[in-house]
């Protein structure tokens, strides 16, 4: 957690020394980091103080550093800074600044570099005869590419991905409500007719 991470930009001062230890490969070299400042009297950039660091690389980084670095190469080193002070014979205090490198690369602002991918071991469980996966072709075709219109020549055309065929979902339709049935009520009684009044007939 409390580690000091630094990024130093300088030049390789000594040829890397490679050792194959029981814990894995290890390599070290000296890195010279020189400050630059603007000299107003000379109107030019001038070198200032130079700091020297001992860079340590382990395992695959050590193997690649040994095959890639030479004295004078401009490099960028990122890693953990460790400052040690020891007492040696004839010296009162001996101080060294080491960088446990995590990444090392050429400083391409001062030149060009060609990258070559290192071989990787087969993944666990993969057979010896397993086919290797080819690298994808990221280059854009120049002319003659399939396609018409404004996007012709920009790259290969890809058919749009078809989604799954939609499955019809049955929709439940509510049944119509039954029509109301008229229920006959009690039969109405006929009203009695009023009796006709007979007038008396005179007998002569």
N, C-alpha and C. Protein backbone atom coordinates (compact mmCIF):
# COMPACT_ATOMS: atom_id res chain seq x y z
N UNK A 1 0.82 -1.21 0.00
CA UNK A 1 0.00 0.00 0.00
C UNK A 1 0.85 1.26 0.00
N UNK A 2 1.87 1.29 0.91
CA UNK A 2 2.68 2.50 1.05
C UNK A 2 3.97 2.41 0.22
N UNK A 3 3.82 2.12 -1.05
CA UNK A 3 4.97 2.03 -1.94
C UNK A 3 5.08 3.31 -2.75
N UNK A 4 6.32 3.69 -3.07
CA UNK A 4 6.59 4.90 -3.84
C UNK A 4 6.78 4.52 -5.30
N UNK A 5 5.81 4.80 -6.13
CA UNK A 5 5.88 4.50 -7.55
C UNK A 5 6.46 5.72 -8.28
N UNK A 6 7.45 5.48 -9.14
CA UNK A 6 8.10 6.55 -9.89
C UNK A 6 8.13 6.17 -11.36
N UNK A 7 8.30 7.19 -12.19
CA UNK A 7 8.50 6.99 -13.63
C UNK A 7 9.72 7.83 -14.02
N UNK A 8 10.80 7.15 -14.34
CA UNK A 8 12.07 7.83 -14.67
C UNK A 8 12.33 7.72 -16.16
N UNK A 9 12.74 8.86 -16.75
CA UNK A 9 13.04 8.93 -18.17
C UNK A 9 14.52 9.28 -18.30
N UNK A 10 15.28 8.40 -18.92
CA UNK A 10 16.72 8.64 -19.04
C UNK A 10 17.34 7.74 -20.09
N UNK A 11 18.61 7.41 -19.87
CA UNK A 11 19.36 6.58 -20.81
C UNK A 11 19.98 5.40 -20.08
N UNK A 12 20.10 4.29 -20.80
CA UNK A 12 20.75 3.11 -20.24
C UNK A 12 22.24 3.40 -20.13
N UNK A 13 22.78 3.34 -18.90
CA UNK A 13 24.19 3.70 -18.67
C UNK A 13 25.11 2.49 -18.71
N UNK A 14 24.62 1.31 -18.40
CA UNK A 14 25.45 0.10 -18.42
C UNK A 14 24.69 -1.01 -19.15
N UNK A 15 25.46 -1.94 -19.68
CA UNK A 15 24.83 -3.07 -20.37
C UNK A 15 24.10 -3.93 -19.35
N UNK A 16 22.86 -4.33 -19.62
CA UNK A 16 22.12 -5.17 -18.66
C UNK A 16 22.85 -6.47 -18.36
N UNK A 17 22.82 -6.84 -17.09
CA UNK A 17 23.43 -8.08 -16.62
C UNK A 17 22.30 -9.06 -16.30
N UNK A 18 22.38 -10.23 -16.90
CA UNK A 18 21.29 -11.22 -16.79
C UNK A 18 21.74 -12.38 -15.92
N UNK A 19 20.84 -12.84 -15.05
CA UNK A 19 21.10 -14.00 -14.22
C UNK A 19 19.85 -14.87 -14.16
N UNK A 20 20.06 -16.16 -14.26
CA UNK A 20 18.96 -17.12 -14.17
C UNK A 20 18.99 -17.74 -12.79
N UNK A 21 18.13 -17.25 -11.90
CA UNK A 21 18.11 -17.69 -10.51
C UNK A 21 17.05 -18.75 -10.30
N UNK A 22 17.06 -19.34 -9.09
CA UNK A 22 16.06 -20.37 -8.78
C UNK A 22 14.65 -19.78 -8.76
N UNK A 23 14.53 -18.52 -8.33
CA UNK A 23 13.21 -17.88 -8.28
C UNK A 23 12.76 -17.36 -9.63
N UNK A 24 13.63 -17.39 -10.64
CA UNK A 24 13.29 -16.90 -11.96
C UNK A 24 14.39 -16.01 -12.51
N UNK A 25 14.19 -15.55 -13.72
CA UNK A 25 15.19 -14.70 -14.37
C UNK A 25 15.25 -13.34 -13.69
N UNK A 26 16.45 -12.73 -13.69
CA UNK A 26 16.66 -11.41 -13.10
C UNK A 26 17.68 -10.66 -13.93
N UNK A 27 17.47 -9.36 -14.08
CA UNK A 27 18.40 -8.51 -14.83
C UNK A 27 18.47 -7.15 -14.16
N UNK A 28 19.64 -6.50 -14.29
CA UNK A 28 19.80 -5.18 -13.72
C UNK A 28 20.68 -4.34 -14.65
N UNK A 29 20.47 -3.03 -14.60
CA UNK A 29 21.30 -2.09 -15.35
C UNK A 29 21.20 -0.74 -14.67
N UNK A 30 22.13 0.13 -15.01
CA UNK A 30 22.15 1.48 -14.45
C UNK A 30 21.43 2.43 -15.39
N UNK A 31 20.61 3.29 -14.81
CA UNK A 31 19.85 4.28 -15.57
C UNK A 31 20.32 5.67 -15.18
N UNK A 32 20.69 6.46 -16.17
CA UNK A 32 21.13 7.84 -15.94
C UNK A 32 20.01 8.79 -16.33
N UNK A 33 19.58 9.60 -15.37
CA UNK A 33 18.50 10.58 -15.59
C UNK A 33 19.11 11.97 -15.42
N UNK A 34 19.20 12.70 -16.51
CA UNK A 34 19.82 14.03 -16.50
C UNK A 34 18.76 15.09 -16.70
N UNK A 35 18.75 16.06 -15.80
CA UNK A 35 17.79 17.16 -15.94
C UNK A 35 18.28 18.15 -17.00
N UNK A 36 17.32 18.85 -17.60
CA UNK A 36 17.64 19.84 -18.63
C UNK A 36 17.03 21.18 -18.22
N UNK A 37 17.79 22.25 -18.47
CA UNK A 37 17.28 23.58 -18.14
C UNK A 37 17.72 24.55 -19.24
N UNK A 38 17.00 25.68 -19.30
CA UNK A 38 17.26 26.69 -20.34
C UNK A 38 18.28 27.70 -19.81
N UNK A 39 19.43 27.77 -20.49
CA UNK A 39 20.49 28.72 -20.11
C UNK A 39 20.24 30.03 -20.86
N UNK A 40 19.86 31.05 -20.10
CA UNK A 40 19.55 32.33 -20.74
C UNK A 40 20.79 33.01 -21.33
N UNK A 41 21.94 32.85 -20.69
CA UNK A 41 23.16 33.49 -21.19
C UNK A 41 23.58 32.87 -22.53
N UNK A 42 23.49 31.55 -22.64
CA UNK A 42 23.89 30.88 -23.88
C UNK A 42 22.72 30.72 -24.84
N UNK A 43 21.51 31.00 -24.33
CA UNK A 43 20.30 30.85 -25.15
C UNK A 43 20.19 29.45 -25.74
N UNK A 44 20.40 28.47 -24.89
CA UNK A 44 20.32 27.08 -25.34
C UNK A 44 20.01 26.19 -24.15
N UNK A 45 19.56 24.98 -24.45
CA UNK A 45 19.29 24.01 -23.40
C UNK A 45 20.60 23.40 -22.93
N UNK A 46 20.74 23.23 -21.61
CA UNK A 46 21.98 22.73 -21.02
C UNK A 46 21.66 21.58 -20.08
N UNK A 47 22.56 20.60 -20.02
CA UNK A 47 22.38 19.48 -19.11
C UNK A 47 22.65 19.91 -17.68
N UNK A 48 21.82 19.40 -16.78
CA UNK A 48 21.99 19.71 -15.36
C UNK A 48 22.54 18.51 -14.61
N UNK A 49 22.05 18.31 -13.40
CA UNK A 49 22.54 17.23 -12.55
C UNK A 49 22.03 15.89 -13.07
N UNK A 50 22.86 14.85 -12.92
CA UNK A 50 22.50 13.50 -13.36
C UNK A 50 22.30 12.60 -12.14
N UNK A 51 21.17 11.94 -12.08
CA UNK A 51 20.87 10.96 -11.05
C UNK A 51 21.01 9.56 -11.64
N UNK A 52 21.60 8.67 -10.87
CA UNK A 52 21.79 7.29 -11.32
C UNK A 52 20.92 6.36 -10.48
N UNK A 53 20.22 5.49 -11.16
CA UNK A 53 19.37 4.49 -10.51
C UNK A 53 19.79 3.10 -10.98
N UNK A 54 19.69 2.15 -10.07
CA UNK A 54 19.88 0.74 -10.44
C UNK A 54 18.51 0.13 -10.67
N UNK A 55 18.27 -0.28 -11.91
CA UNK A 55 16.97 -0.82 -12.29
C UNK A 55 17.04 -2.34 -12.23
N UNK A 56 16.06 -2.93 -11.53
CA UNK A 56 15.97 -4.38 -11.40
C UNK A 56 14.73 -4.85 -12.14
N UNK A 57 14.89 -5.86 -12.97
CA UNK A 57 13.77 -6.48 -13.69
C UNK A 57 13.75 -7.96 -13.38
N UNK A 58 12.57 -8.53 -13.29
CA UNK A 58 12.42 -9.93 -12.92
C UNK A 58 11.56 -10.67 -13.94
N UNK A 59 11.80 -11.99 -13.99
CA UNK A 59 11.03 -12.92 -14.82
C UNK A 59 11.00 -12.50 -16.30
N UNK A 60 9.82 -12.46 -16.91
CA UNK A 60 9.73 -12.18 -18.34
C UNK A 60 10.25 -10.80 -18.69
N UNK A 61 10.06 -9.84 -17.79
CA UNK A 61 10.58 -8.49 -18.03
C UNK A 61 12.09 -8.49 -18.12
N UNK A 62 12.74 -9.33 -17.31
CA UNK A 62 14.21 -9.42 -17.37
C UNK A 62 14.67 -10.00 -18.69
N UNK A 63 13.99 -11.04 -19.16
CA UNK A 63 14.37 -11.65 -20.44
C UNK A 63 14.20 -10.67 -21.59
N UNK A 64 13.09 -9.94 -21.61
CA UNK A 64 12.85 -8.98 -22.69
C UNK A 64 13.79 -7.79 -22.61
N UNK A 65 14.11 -7.35 -21.40
CA UNK A 65 15.04 -6.22 -21.25
C UNK A 65 16.43 -6.60 -21.75
N UNK A 66 16.84 -7.83 -21.48
CA UNK A 66 18.17 -8.27 -21.92
C UNK A 66 18.25 -8.32 -23.44
N UNK A 67 17.14 -8.66 -24.10
CA UNK A 67 17.14 -8.78 -25.55
C UNK A 67 16.84 -7.47 -26.26
N UNK A 68 16.43 -6.44 -25.51
CA UNK A 68 15.97 -5.20 -26.15
C UNK A 68 16.84 -3.99 -25.87
N UNK A 69 17.55 -3.95 -24.73
CA UNK A 69 18.23 -2.74 -24.30
C UNK A 69 19.73 -2.80 -24.58
N UNK A 70 20.26 -1.64 -24.93
CA UNK A 70 21.70 -1.46 -25.12
C UNK A 70 22.12 -0.15 -24.48
N UNK A 71 23.41 0.01 -24.28
CA UNK A 71 23.93 1.22 -23.66
C UNK A 71 23.59 2.43 -24.53
N UNK A 72 23.04 3.47 -23.91
CA UNK A 72 22.69 4.69 -24.61
C UNK A 72 21.25 4.76 -25.06
N UNK A 73 20.50 3.67 -24.96
CA UNK A 73 19.11 3.70 -25.40
C UNK A 73 18.29 4.62 -24.50
N UNK A 74 17.46 5.50 -25.07
CA UNK A 74 16.55 6.31 -24.25
C UNK A 74 15.36 5.44 -23.83
N UNK A 75 15.12 5.37 -22.55
CA UNK A 75 14.07 4.49 -22.03
C UNK A 75 13.24 5.22 -20.99
N UNK A 76 12.09 4.62 -20.72
CA UNK A 76 11.19 5.06 -19.64
C UNK A 76 10.99 3.86 -18.73
N UNK A 77 11.22 4.06 -17.45
CA UNK A 77 11.12 2.98 -16.46
C UNK A 77 10.10 3.37 -15.41
N UNK A 78 9.14 2.50 -15.19
CA UNK A 78 8.15 2.70 -14.13
C UNK A 78 8.27 1.57 -13.13
N UNK A 79 8.30 1.92 -11.86
CA UNK A 79 8.44 0.89 -10.84
C UNK A 79 8.45 1.47 -9.44
N UNK A 80 8.80 0.63 -8.48
CA UNK A 80 8.83 1.01 -7.07
C UNK A 80 10.23 1.49 -6.68
N UNK A 81 10.30 2.67 -6.07
CA UNK A 81 11.57 3.26 -5.66
C UNK A 81 11.96 2.75 -4.28
N UNK A 82 13.25 2.34 -4.17
CA UNK A 82 13.78 1.87 -2.90
C UNK A 82 15.13 2.55 -2.68
N UNK A 83 15.25 3.29 -1.60
CA UNK A 83 16.50 3.99 -1.25
C UNK A 83 17.11 3.28 -0.05
N UNK A 84 18.34 2.82 -0.21
CA UNK A 84 19.02 2.08 0.85
C UNK A 84 20.29 2.81 1.26
N UNK A 85 20.58 2.75 2.55
CA UNK A 85 21.81 3.34 3.11
C UNK A 85 22.55 2.27 3.88
N UNK A 86 23.80 2.03 3.51
CA UNK A 86 24.61 1.00 4.14
C UNK A 86 25.98 1.58 4.52
N UNK A 87 26.65 0.85 5.36
CA UNK A 87 28.01 1.21 5.76
C UNK A 87 28.97 0.16 5.23
N UNK A 88 29.94 0.62 4.44
CA UNK A 88 30.92 -0.28 3.85
C UNK A 88 32.32 0.09 4.34
N UNK A 89 33.23 -0.82 4.13
CA UNK A 89 34.60 -0.57 4.58
C UNK A 89 35.19 0.59 3.80
N UNK A 90 35.75 1.54 4.54
CA UNK A 90 36.35 2.72 3.93
C UNK A 90 35.35 3.79 3.56
N UNK A 91 34.08 3.54 3.79
CA UNK A 91 33.04 4.52 3.50
C UNK A 91 32.14 4.66 4.71
N UNK A 92 31.81 5.89 5.00
CA UNK A 92 30.94 6.12 6.15
C UNK A 92 29.48 5.76 5.81
N UNK A 93 28.99 6.33 4.78
CA UNK A 93 27.62 6.05 4.36
C UNK A 93 27.59 5.80 2.86
N UNK A 94 26.97 4.72 2.48
CA UNK A 94 26.82 4.37 1.06
C UNK A 94 25.33 4.27 0.77
N UNK A 95 24.86 5.11 -0.13
CA UNK A 95 23.43 5.20 -0.44
C UNK A 95 23.21 4.79 -1.89
N UNK A 96 22.18 4.00 -2.11
CA UNK A 96 21.82 3.57 -3.46
C UNK A 96 20.32 3.75 -3.64
N UNK A 97 19.97 4.12 -4.85
CA UNK A 97 18.56 4.28 -5.22
C UNK A 97 18.23 3.23 -6.27
N UNK A 98 17.35 2.31 -5.93
CA UNK A 98 16.98 1.20 -6.82
C UNK A 98 15.53 1.38 -7.27
N UNK A 99 15.25 0.89 -8.46
CA UNK A 99 13.89 0.88 -8.99
C UNK A 99 13.54 -0.56 -9.33
N UNK A 100 12.55 -1.09 -8.64
CA UNK A 100 12.02 -2.42 -8.95
C UNK A 100 11.04 -2.25 -10.10
N UNK A 101 11.50 -2.50 -11.32
CA UNK A 101 10.75 -2.13 -12.52
C UNK A 101 9.48 -2.97 -12.67
N UNK A 102 8.43 -2.29 -13.08
CA UNK A 102 7.18 -2.92 -13.46
C UNK A 102 7.01 -2.90 -14.97
N UNK A 103 7.48 -1.82 -15.60
CA UNK A 103 7.40 -1.68 -17.06
C UNK A 103 8.61 -0.90 -17.54
N UNK A 104 9.14 -1.31 -18.69
CA UNK A 104 10.28 -0.65 -19.31
C UNK A 104 9.97 -0.51 -20.80
N UNK A 105 10.21 0.68 -21.34
CA UNK A 105 9.96 0.89 -22.76
C UNK A 105 10.86 1.95 -23.34
N UNK A 106 11.06 1.89 -24.65
CA UNK A 106 11.87 2.92 -25.32
C UNK A 106 11.10 4.24 -25.37
N UNK A 107 11.85 5.33 -25.25
CA UNK A 107 11.27 6.67 -25.35
C UNK A 107 11.22 7.03 -26.83
N UNK A 108 10.06 6.81 -27.47
CA UNK A 108 9.96 7.02 -28.92
C UNK A 108 9.85 8.50 -29.29
N UNK A 109 9.89 9.41 -28.30
CA UNK A 109 9.98 10.83 -28.65
C UNK A 109 11.38 11.19 -29.15
N UNK A 110 12.34 10.29 -28.93
CA UNK A 110 13.72 10.53 -29.36
C UNK A 110 14.18 9.54 -30.42
N UNK A 111 13.27 8.70 -30.90
CA UNK A 111 13.65 7.73 -31.93
C UNK A 111 12.50 6.78 -32.18
N UNK A 112 12.75 5.77 -33.00
CA UNK A 112 11.74 4.79 -33.34
C UNK A 112 12.09 3.45 -32.71
N UNK A 113 11.09 2.61 -32.57
CA UNK A 113 11.28 1.30 -31.99
C UNK A 113 10.32 0.32 -32.65
N UNK A 114 10.75 -0.92 -32.85
CA UNK A 114 9.92 -1.97 -33.44
C UNK A 114 9.57 -2.97 -32.36
N UNK A 115 8.28 -3.21 -32.18
CA UNK A 115 7.82 -4.10 -31.12
C UNK A 115 7.62 -5.51 -31.68
N UNK A 116 8.14 -6.50 -30.96
CA UNK A 116 7.95 -7.90 -31.31
C UNK A 116 7.39 -8.62 -30.10
N UNK A 117 6.24 -9.24 -30.30
CA UNK A 117 5.59 -9.94 -29.19
C UNK A 117 6.37 -11.19 -28.83
N UNK A 118 6.60 -11.37 -27.54
CA UNK A 118 7.35 -12.54 -27.07
C UNK A 118 6.41 -13.74 -27.00
N UNK A 119 7.01 -14.93 -27.09
CA UNK A 119 6.21 -16.15 -27.03
C UNK A 119 5.63 -16.34 -25.64
N UNK A 120 4.39 -16.84 -25.63
CA UNK A 120 3.71 -17.10 -24.36
C UNK A 120 3.48 -18.59 -24.21
N UNK A 121 3.55 -19.09 -22.98
CA UNK A 121 3.30 -20.53 -22.79
C UNK A 121 1.84 -20.85 -23.07
N UNK A 122 1.61 -22.13 -23.45
CA UNK A 122 0.25 -22.55 -23.72
C UNK A 122 -0.58 -22.49 -22.45
N UNK A 123 -1.85 -22.10 -22.54
CA UNK A 123 -2.69 -22.07 -21.35
C UNK A 123 -2.87 -23.45 -20.76
N UNK A 124 -3.14 -23.51 -19.47
CA UNK A 124 -3.29 -24.79 -18.79
C UNK A 124 -4.48 -25.53 -19.36
N UNK A 125 -4.28 -26.83 -19.59
CA UNK A 125 -5.37 -27.64 -20.10
C UNK A 125 -5.43 -27.71 -21.60
N UNK A 126 -4.69 -26.88 -22.32
CA UNK A 126 -4.72 -26.89 -23.77
C UNK A 126 -3.78 -27.97 -24.28
N UNK A 127 -4.21 -28.69 -25.30
CA UNK A 127 -3.40 -29.76 -25.86
C UNK A 127 -2.24 -29.21 -26.65
N UNK A 128 -1.23 -30.07 -26.84
CA UNK A 128 -0.06 -29.62 -27.58
C UNK A 128 -0.41 -29.35 -29.03
N UNK A 129 -1.39 -30.10 -29.57
CA UNK A 129 -1.74 -29.92 -30.97
C UNK A 129 -2.90 -28.97 -31.17
N UNK A 130 -3.26 -28.17 -30.16
CA UNK A 130 -4.40 -27.27 -30.30
C UNK A 130 -4.05 -26.18 -31.30
N UNK A 131 -4.97 -25.87 -32.21
CA UNK A 131 -4.66 -24.83 -33.20
C UNK A 131 -4.58 -23.47 -32.55
N UNK A 132 -3.64 -22.68 -33.02
CA UNK A 132 -3.47 -21.34 -32.48
C UNK A 132 -4.49 -20.41 -33.10
N UNK A 133 -4.93 -19.43 -32.33
CA UNK A 133 -5.91 -18.49 -32.82
C UNK A 133 -5.22 -17.41 -33.65
N UNK A 134 -5.64 -17.22 -34.90
CA UNK A 134 -4.95 -16.23 -35.73
C UNK A 134 -5.21 -14.81 -35.24
N UNK A 135 -4.22 -13.96 -35.50
CA UNK A 135 -4.36 -12.56 -35.13
C UNK A 135 -5.39 -11.90 -36.03
N UNK A 136 -6.27 -11.02 -35.51
CA UNK A 136 -7.25 -10.34 -36.36
C UNK A 136 -6.58 -9.37 -37.31
N UNK A 137 -7.19 -9.19 -38.48
CA UNK A 137 -6.67 -8.27 -39.49
C UNK A 137 -7.30 -6.91 -39.24
N UNK A 138 -6.51 -5.98 -38.67
CA UNK A 138 -7.04 -4.66 -38.32
C UNK A 138 -6.83 -3.66 -39.43
N UNK A 139 -6.16 -4.04 -40.54
CA UNK A 139 -5.88 -3.08 -41.59
C UNK A 139 -7.12 -2.82 -42.42
N UNK A 140 -7.30 -1.55 -42.82
CA UNK A 140 -8.44 -1.17 -43.65
C UNK A 140 -8.12 -1.46 -45.10
N UNK A 141 -9.00 -2.20 -45.82
CA UNK A 141 -8.72 -2.48 -47.24
C UNK A 141 -8.61 -1.19 -48.03
N UNK A 142 -7.67 -1.16 -48.98
CA UNK A 142 -7.45 0.01 -49.83
C UNK A 142 -8.11 -0.25 -51.17
N UNK A 143 -9.19 0.50 -51.48
CA UNK A 143 -9.87 0.38 -52.77
C UNK A 143 -10.40 -1.02 -52.97
N UNK A 144 -11.26 -1.20 -53.96
CA UNK A 144 -11.76 -2.51 -54.35
C UNK A 144 -12.53 -3.22 -53.27
N UNK A 145 -12.89 -2.51 -52.20
CA UNK A 145 -13.63 -3.16 -51.14
C UNK A 145 -15.06 -3.34 -51.56
N UNK A 146 -15.69 -4.35 -51.05
CA UNK A 146 -17.07 -4.62 -51.40
C UNK A 146 -17.95 -3.56 -50.78
N UNK A 147 -18.88 -3.07 -51.57
CA UNK A 147 -19.79 -2.08 -51.03
C UNK A 147 -20.02 -0.97 -52.02
N UNK A 148 -21.13 -0.33 -51.95
CA UNK A 148 -21.48 0.76 -52.82
C UNK A 148 -21.98 1.91 -51.98
N UNK A 149 -22.05 3.06 -52.60
CA UNK A 149 -22.56 4.22 -51.88
C UNK A 149 -21.45 4.97 -51.22
N UNK A 150 -21.83 5.80 -50.22
CA UNK A 150 -20.85 6.68 -49.57
C UNK A 150 -19.85 5.90 -48.78
N UNK A 151 -20.22 4.71 -48.27
CA UNK A 151 -19.29 3.96 -47.42
C UNK A 151 -18.45 2.98 -48.18
N UNK A 152 -18.45 2.99 -49.52
CA UNK A 152 -17.67 2.02 -50.28
C UNK A 152 -16.20 2.27 -50.08
N UNK A 153 -15.44 1.18 -49.93
CA UNK A 153 -13.99 1.27 -49.77
C UNK A 153 -13.56 1.51 -48.34
N UNK A 154 -14.50 1.70 -47.41
CA UNK A 154 -14.11 1.96 -46.04
C UNK A 154 -13.84 0.69 -45.27
N UNK A 155 -14.24 -0.45 -45.80
CA UNK A 155 -14.00 -1.69 -45.09
C UNK A 155 -15.01 -2.73 -45.51
N UNK A 156 -14.86 -3.96 -45.06
CA UNK A 156 -15.80 -5.02 -45.42
C UNK A 156 -17.16 -4.78 -44.83
N UNK A 157 -18.15 -5.18 -45.62
CA UNK A 157 -19.52 -5.02 -45.13
C UNK A 157 -19.91 -6.24 -44.32
N UNK A 158 -20.71 -6.02 -43.33
CA UNK A 158 -21.18 -7.09 -42.48
C UNK A 158 -22.69 -7.10 -42.52
N UNK A 159 -23.26 -8.31 -42.66
CA UNK A 159 -24.71 -8.40 -42.66
C UNK A 159 -25.23 -8.13 -41.26
N UNK A 160 -26.35 -7.42 -41.19
CA UNK A 160 -26.89 -7.16 -39.85
C UNK A 160 -27.30 -8.44 -39.17
N UNK A 161 -27.05 -8.49 -37.92
CA UNK A 161 -27.36 -9.68 -37.15
C UNK A 161 -28.87 -9.82 -37.03
N UNK A 162 -29.38 -11.03 -37.35
CA UNK A 162 -30.80 -11.28 -37.28
C UNK A 162 -31.16 -11.76 -35.90
N UNK A 163 -32.18 -11.17 -35.37
CA UNK A 163 -32.64 -11.57 -34.06
C UNK A 163 -33.52 -12.79 -34.13
N UNK A 164 -33.95 -13.35 -33.02
CA UNK A 164 -34.81 -14.53 -33.01
C UNK A 164 -36.18 -14.21 -33.60
N UNK A 165 -36.79 -15.23 -34.24
CA UNK A 165 -38.10 -15.05 -34.84
C UNK A 165 -39.13 -14.83 -33.75
N UNK A 166 -39.91 -13.76 -33.85
CA UNK A 166 -40.89 -13.50 -32.80
C UNK A 166 -41.96 -14.58 -32.76
N UNK A 167 -42.32 -15.00 -31.58
CA UNK A 167 -43.35 -16.03 -31.39
C UNK A 167 -44.66 -15.33 -31.07
N UNK A 168 -45.75 -15.65 -31.85
CA UNK A 168 -47.02 -14.97 -31.56
C UNK A 168 -47.53 -15.34 -30.19
N UNK A 169 -47.99 -14.37 -29.48
CA UNK A 169 -48.51 -14.57 -28.13
C UNK A 169 -50.02 -14.54 -28.19
N UNK A 170 -50.71 -15.62 -27.77
CA UNK A 170 -52.18 -15.60 -27.83
C UNK A 170 -52.74 -14.52 -26.93
N UNK A 171 -53.72 -13.83 -27.51
CA UNK A 171 -54.37 -12.75 -26.76
C UNK A 171 -55.75 -13.23 -26.36
N UNK A 172 -56.05 -13.21 -25.11
CA UNK A 172 -57.37 -13.64 -24.62
C UNK A 172 -58.37 -12.53 -24.84
N UNK A 173 -59.46 -12.88 -25.56
CA UNK A 173 -60.53 -11.92 -25.83
C UNK A 173 -61.70 -12.23 -24.88
N UNK A 174 -62.14 -11.28 -24.10
CA UNK A 174 -63.25 -11.56 -23.16
C UNK A 174 -64.53 -11.89 -23.92
N UNK A 175 -65.23 -12.91 -23.45
CA UNK A 175 -66.50 -13.31 -24.09
C UNK A 175 -67.56 -12.24 -23.85
N UNK A 176 -68.44 -12.05 -24.83
CA UNK A 176 -69.49 -11.03 -24.64
C UNK A 176 -70.44 -11.42 -23.51
N UNK A 177 -70.89 -10.41 -22.81
CA UNK A 177 -71.81 -10.65 -21.69
C UNK A 177 -73.16 -11.14 -22.23
N UNK A 178 -73.77 -12.12 -21.59
CA UNK A 178 -75.08 -12.63 -22.08
C UNK A 178 -76.14 -11.53 -22.01
N UNK A 179 -77.05 -11.58 -23.02
CA UNK A 179 -78.16 -10.60 -23.05
C UNK A 179 -79.11 -10.84 -21.90
N UNK A 180 -79.65 -9.79 -21.32
CA UNK A 180 -80.60 -9.97 -20.19
C UNK A 180 -81.88 -10.68 -20.66
N UNK A 181 -82.31 -11.60 -19.88
CA UNK A 181 -83.54 -12.39 -20.17
C UNK A 181 -84.69 -11.81 -19.36
N UNK A 182 -85.77 -11.54 -20.08
CA UNK A 182 -86.95 -10.98 -19.40
C UNK A 182 -87.67 -12.08 -18.65
N UNK A 183 -87.83 -11.87 -17.39
CA UNK A 183 -88.53 -12.85 -16.53
C UNK A 183 -89.98 -12.40 -16.38
N UNK A 184 -90.98 -13.26 -16.79
CA UNK A 184 -92.40 -12.82 -16.67
C UNK A 184 -92.82 -12.66 -15.22
N UNK A 185 -93.51 -11.56 -14.99
CA UNK A 185 -94.01 -11.34 -13.64
C UNK A 185 -95.36 -12.01 -13.42
N UNK A 186 -95.96 -11.79 -12.29
CA UNK A 186 -97.28 -12.41 -12.02
C UNK A 186 -98.33 -11.87 -12.99
N UNK A 187 -99.18 -12.77 -13.45
CA UNK A 187 -100.23 -12.39 -14.42
C UNK A 187 -101.18 -11.37 -13.80
N UNK A 188 -101.50 -10.37 -14.55
CA UNK A 188 -102.42 -9.34 -14.05
C UNK A 188 -103.86 -9.85 -14.10
N UNK A 189 -104.56 -9.64 -13.03
CA UNK A 189 -105.98 -10.08 -12.96
C UNK A 189 -106.85 -9.11 -13.75
N UNK A 190 -107.77 -9.69 -14.56
CA UNK A 190 -108.66 -8.76 -15.31
C UNK A 190 -109.60 -8.03 -14.38
N UNK A 191 -109.79 -6.80 -14.70
CA UNK A 191 -110.69 -6.01 -13.86
C UNK A 191 -112.14 -6.40 -14.14
N UNK A 192 -112.94 -6.56 -13.08
CA UNK A 192 -114.37 -6.90 -13.31
C UNK A 192 -115.12 -5.73 -13.95
N UNK A 193 -115.99 -6.15 -14.93
CA UNK A 193 -116.79 -5.13 -15.60
C UNK A 193 -117.94 -4.69 -14.69
N UNK A 194 -118.23 -3.43 -14.68
CA UNK A 194 -119.36 -2.98 -13.82
C UNK A 194 -120.71 -3.51 -14.36
N UNK A 195 -121.56 -3.91 -13.46
CA UNK A 195 -122.88 -4.45 -13.85
C UNK A 195 -123.74 -3.35 -14.45
N UNK A 196 -124.41 -3.72 -15.53
CA UNK A 196 -125.29 -2.75 -16.19
C UNK A 196 -126.61 -2.65 -15.42
N UNK A 197 -127.00 -1.44 -15.23
CA UNK A 197 -128.27 -1.17 -14.47
C UNK A 197 -129.44 -1.20 -15.43
N UNK A 198 -130.43 -2.05 -15.12
CA UNK A 198 -131.61 -2.12 -15.95
C UNK A 198 -132.66 -1.13 -15.52
N UNK A 199 -133.23 -0.46 -16.51
CA UNK A 199 -134.33 0.48 -16.20
C UNK A 199 -135.64 -0.28 -16.12
N UNK A 200 -136.52 0.09 -15.22
CA UNK A 200 -137.83 -0.58 -15.12
C UNK A 200 -138.66 -0.29 -16.40
N UNK A 201 -139.37 -1.32 -16.82
CA UNK A 201 -140.22 -1.18 -18.05
C UNK A 201 -141.68 -1.08 -17.57
N UNK A 202 -142.39 -0.08 -18.09
CA UNK A 202 -143.78 0.11 -17.73
C UNK A 202 -144.62 -0.84 -18.56
N UNK A 203 -145.52 -1.58 -17.89
CA UNK A 203 -146.43 -2.52 -18.54
C UNK A 203 -147.78 -1.85 -18.67
N UNK A 204 -148.25 -1.83 -19.92
CA UNK A 204 -149.55 -1.22 -20.12
C UNK A 204 -150.59 -2.28 -20.31
